[in-house]
């Protein structure tokens, strides 16, 4: 899905914690989660931040 086709791109961009802003899936949550599922990793929004 292209960023222009994502109906929530502005809302997602405002809350997306991922620092990889050059990623083609940045702020397109459905594509981001699908990509990370294939690579068996977690997107930034599902990782715990170590605050200790």
N, C-alpha and C. Protein backbone atom coordinates (compact mmCIF):
# COMPACT_ATOMS: atom_id res chain seq x y z
N UNK A 1 0.86 -1.18 0.00
CA UNK A 1 0.00 0.00 0.00
C UNK A 1 0.89 1.23 0.00
N UNK A 2 0.59 2.16 -0.85
CA UNK A 2 1.35 3.40 -0.90
C UNK A 2 0.87 4.34 0.20
N UNK A 3 1.78 5.18 0.69
CA UNK A 3 1.40 6.12 1.74
C UNK A 3 0.23 6.98 1.33
N UNK A 4 0.13 7.31 0.06
CA UNK A 4 -0.97 8.14 -0.43
C UNK A 4 -2.31 7.42 -0.30
N UNK A 5 -2.30 6.08 -0.23
CA UNK A 5 -3.54 5.31 -0.15
C UNK A 5 -3.96 5.00 1.27
N UNK A 6 -3.12 5.24 2.24
CA UNK A 6 -3.45 4.96 3.64
C UNK A 6 -4.34 6.08 4.18
N UNK A 7 -5.54 5.71 4.62
CA UNK A 7 -6.48 6.75 5.06
C UNK A 7 -6.14 7.31 6.44
N UNK A 8 -5.26 6.64 7.20
CA UNK A 8 -4.90 7.11 8.54
C UNK A 8 -3.45 7.58 8.63
N UNK A 9 -2.84 7.89 7.51
CA UNK A 9 -1.41 8.22 7.50
C UNK A 9 -1.07 9.39 8.43
N UNK A 10 -1.89 10.41 8.46
CA UNK A 10 -1.60 11.56 9.33
C UNK A 10 -1.70 11.20 10.80
N UNK A 11 -2.74 10.47 11.17
CA UNK A 11 -2.91 10.04 12.56
C UNK A 11 -1.80 9.09 12.98
N UNK A 12 -1.48 8.13 12.10
CA UNK A 12 -0.42 7.18 12.40
C UNK A 12 0.93 7.87 12.53
N UNK A 13 1.21 8.80 11.65
CA UNK A 13 2.49 9.51 11.68
C UNK A 13 2.67 10.28 12.98
N UNK A 14 1.57 10.80 13.52
CA UNK A 14 1.65 11.57 14.77
C UNK A 14 2.00 10.70 15.97
N UNK A 15 1.69 9.41 15.91
CA UNK A 15 1.92 8.55 17.08
C UNK A 15 2.95 7.45 16.84
N UNK A 16 3.44 7.30 15.63
CA UNK A 16 4.38 6.22 15.31
C UNK A 16 5.72 6.46 16.01
N UNK A 17 6.15 5.50 16.87
CA UNK A 17 7.40 5.69 17.61
C UNK A 17 8.65 5.27 16.83
N UNK A 18 8.47 4.72 15.64
CA UNK A 18 9.62 4.23 14.88
C UNK A 18 10.48 5.40 14.40
N UNK A 19 11.78 5.25 14.61
CA UNK A 19 12.70 6.31 14.22
C UNK A 19 13.19 6.13 12.78
N UNK A 20 12.81 5.03 12.14
CA UNK A 20 13.22 4.77 10.76
C UNK A 20 12.23 5.43 9.80
N UNK A 21 12.29 6.74 9.72
CA UNK A 21 11.32 7.49 8.92
C UNK A 21 11.51 7.30 7.42
N UNK A 22 12.63 6.73 7.01
CA UNK A 22 12.85 6.46 5.60
C UNK A 22 12.24 5.15 5.14
N UNK A 23 11.71 4.37 6.06
CA UNK A 23 11.11 3.08 5.73
C UNK A 23 9.84 3.29 4.91
N UNK A 24 9.67 2.47 3.89
CA UNK A 24 8.48 2.59 3.04
C UNK A 24 7.20 2.25 3.79
N UNK A 25 7.30 1.55 4.93
CA UNK A 25 6.13 1.19 5.72
C UNK A 25 5.89 2.12 6.91
N UNK A 26 6.74 3.13 7.08
CA UNK A 26 6.60 4.03 8.23
C UNK A 26 5.22 4.66 8.25
N UNK A 27 4.53 4.51 9.35
CA UNK A 27 3.18 5.06 9.59
C UNK A 27 2.09 4.34 8.81
N UNK A 28 2.41 3.24 8.16
CA UNK A 28 1.39 2.40 7.53
C UNK A 28 1.37 1.12 8.35
N UNK A 29 0.61 1.16 9.44
CA UNK A 29 0.67 0.11 10.46
C UNK A 29 0.43 -1.29 9.91
N UNK A 30 -0.57 -1.45 9.06
CA UNK A 30 -0.88 -2.79 8.54
C UNK A 30 0.30 -3.37 7.76
N UNK A 31 0.96 -2.56 6.97
CA UNK A 31 2.12 -3.02 6.19
C UNK A 31 3.33 -3.26 7.09
N UNK A 32 3.51 -2.41 8.07
CA UNK A 32 4.63 -2.53 9.00
C UNK A 32 4.52 -3.83 9.80
N UNK A 33 3.36 -4.09 10.35
CA UNK A 33 3.17 -5.30 11.14
C UNK A 33 3.34 -6.54 10.26
N UNK A 34 2.81 -6.51 9.05
CA UNK A 34 2.96 -7.65 8.14
C UNK A 34 4.43 -7.90 7.82
N UNK A 35 5.19 -6.84 7.59
CA UNK A 35 6.63 -6.98 7.30
C UNK A 35 7.35 -7.61 8.49
N UNK A 36 7.08 -7.10 9.69
CA UNK A 36 7.76 -7.61 10.88
C UNK A 36 7.34 -9.04 11.19
N UNK A 37 6.11 -9.40 10.90
CA UNK A 37 5.67 -10.78 11.11
C UNK A 37 6.47 -11.73 10.23
N UNK A 38 6.68 -11.34 8.98
CA UNK A 38 7.46 -12.18 8.06
C UNK A 38 8.89 -12.37 8.54
N UNK A 39 9.45 -11.32 9.14
CA UNK A 39 10.84 -11.40 9.60
C UNK A 39 10.94 -11.82 11.06
N UNK A 40 9.80 -12.19 11.65
CA UNK A 40 9.74 -12.64 13.04
C UNK A 40 10.39 -11.65 14.01
N UNK A 41 10.03 -10.39 13.84
CA UNK A 41 10.53 -9.34 14.73
C UNK A 41 9.35 -8.47 15.14
N UNK A 42 9.60 -7.54 16.03
CA UNK A 42 8.56 -6.65 16.50
C UNK A 42 8.76 -5.24 15.96
N UNK A 43 7.69 -4.58 15.53
CA UNK A 43 7.81 -3.18 15.14
C UNK A 43 8.02 -2.32 16.40
N UNK A 44 8.51 -1.13 16.21
CA UNK A 44 8.83 -0.24 17.34
C UNK A 44 7.64 -0.02 18.27
N UNK A 45 6.43 0.02 17.73
CA UNK A 45 5.26 0.28 18.57
C UNK A 45 4.93 -0.87 19.50
N UNK A 46 5.50 -2.06 19.26
CA UNK A 46 5.24 -3.23 20.11
C UNK A 46 6.44 -3.62 20.96
N UNK A 47 7.51 -2.85 20.89
CA UNK A 47 8.68 -3.13 21.72
C UNK A 47 8.56 -2.37 23.02
N UNK A 48 9.07 -2.98 24.07
CA UNK A 48 9.08 -2.30 25.37
C UNK A 48 10.32 -1.44 25.45
N UNK A 49 10.13 -0.24 25.94
CA UNK A 49 11.28 0.66 26.12
C UNK A 49 11.83 0.47 27.53
N UNK A 50 13.10 0.24 27.64
CA UNK A 50 13.73 0.06 28.94
C UNK A 50 13.91 1.42 29.58
N UNK A 51 13.16 1.68 30.64
CA UNK A 51 13.21 2.99 31.29
C UNK A 51 13.98 2.95 32.60
N UNK A 52 14.55 1.80 32.94
CA UNK A 52 15.28 1.68 34.20
C UNK A 52 16.73 2.03 34.02
